[in-house]
Amino acid sequence: MKDYEVDLTDMPEVLDWSGAQIGRYYRPKKKPVTMRLDEDVVAWLKGHGRGYQTKVNMLLRHAMVNLRTKRSRKAR
């Protein structure tokens, strides 16, 4: 079906986008890797419950974004 063929007459237009979340459904591709981490670091990660590998990814992404932000500020 083409866009112009879709009937939107009974669908209200969204005027308030204040609750919208950018990238909520974005899922980057995952790549399996092997890492050697200190035992105390792994114990700390696992001590926060299930999903320690997800936490590692979150921490690394946070560091990556912060480093990119700092570098872009210095370049100005």
Protein backbone atom coordinates (compact mmCIF):
# COMPACT_ATOMS: atom_id res chain seq x y z
CA MET A 1 0.00 0.00 0.00
CA LYS A 2 1.31 3.44 -0.88
CA ASP A 3 1.49 6.22 1.72
CA TYR A 4 -1.17 8.27 -0.04
CA GLU A 5 -3.56 5.29 0.03
CA VAL A 6 -3.58 5.07 3.84
CA ASP A 7 -6.73 6.56 5.39
CA LEU A 8 -5.74 8.70 8.39
CA THR A 9 -9.04 10.54 8.85
CA ASP A 10 -9.92 8.72 12.09
CA MET A 11 -6.43 9.15 13.56
CA PRO A 12 -5.82 12.30 15.61
CA GLU A 13 -2.72 14.33 14.80
CA VAL A 14 0.00 14.24 17.48
CA LEU A 15 0.68 17.80 18.59
CA ASP A 16 2.57 17.17 21.84
CA TRP A 17 5.88 15.34 21.35
CA SER A 18 7.24 16.19 24.81
CA GLY A 19 7.06 12.54 25.94
CA ALA A 20 8.82 11.16 22.86
CA GLN A 21 12.06 9.24 23.36
CA ILE A 22 14.73 9.35 20.67
CA GLY A 23 16.30 6.00 19.89
CA ARG A 24 14.04 4.00 22.18
CA TYR A 25 13.75 1.13 19.74
CA TYR A 26 17.23 1.42 18.25
CA ARG A 27 19.20 -1.77 18.76
CA PRO A 28 22.75 -1.67 17.42
CA LYS A 29 24.19 -4.89 16.06
CA LYS A 30 26.03 -6.95 18.65
CA LYS A 31 29.40 -8.57 18.09
CA PRO A 32 30.56 -11.42 20.33
CA VAL A 33 33.98 -10.76 21.86
CA THR A 34 36.21 -12.32 24.48
CA MET A 35 37.54 -10.03 27.19
CA ARG A 36 39.87 -10.63 30.08
CA LEU A 37 38.74 -8.61 33.09
CA ASP A 38 40.07 -8.43 36.63
CA GLU A 39 38.28 -10.78 39.02
CA ASP A 40 37.21 -7.98 41.34
CA VAL A 41 35.67 -6.06 38.43
CA VAL A 42 33.66 -9.12 37.34
CA ALA A 43 32.58 -9.73 40.94
CA TRP A 44 31.45 -6.11 41.24
CA LEU A 45 29.48 -6.32 37.98
CA LYS A 46 27.86 -9.63 38.89
CA GLY A 47 27.11 -8.31 42.38
CA HIS A 48 24.52 -5.98 40.85
CA GLY A 49 22.39 -8.87 39.59
CA ARG A 50 21.78 -10.42 36.22
CA GLY A 51 22.98 -8.88 33.00
CA TYR A 52 26.58 -8.06 33.83
CA GLN A 53 27.58 -8.16 30.14
CA THR A 54 24.89 -5.60 29.37
CA LYS A 55 26.28 -3.44 32.19
CA VAL A 56 29.78 -3.72 30.71
CA ASN A 57 28.39 -2.56 27.36
CA MET A 58 26.52 0.32 29.03
CA LEU A 59 29.64 1.46 30.92
CA LEU A 60 31.82 1.28 27.81
CA ARG A 61 29.22 3.17 25.74
CA HIS A 62 29.03 5.86 28.44
CA ALA A 63 32.83 6.22 28.40
CA MET A 64 32.85 6.33 24.58
CA VAL A 65 30.20 9.05 24.40
CA ASN A 66 31.91 11.14 27.09
CA LEU A 67 35.28 10.85 25.35
CA ARG A 68 33.75 11.88 22.02
CA THR A 69 32.04 14.85 23.68
CA LYS A 70 35.28 15.99 25.34
CA ARG A 71 37.22 15.69 22.09
CA SER A 72 34.62 17.66 20.14
CA ARG A 73 34.70 20.43 22.78
CA LYS A 74 38.49 20.66 22.56
CA ALA A 75 38.37 20.90 18.78
CA ARG A 76 36.30 24.10 18.95
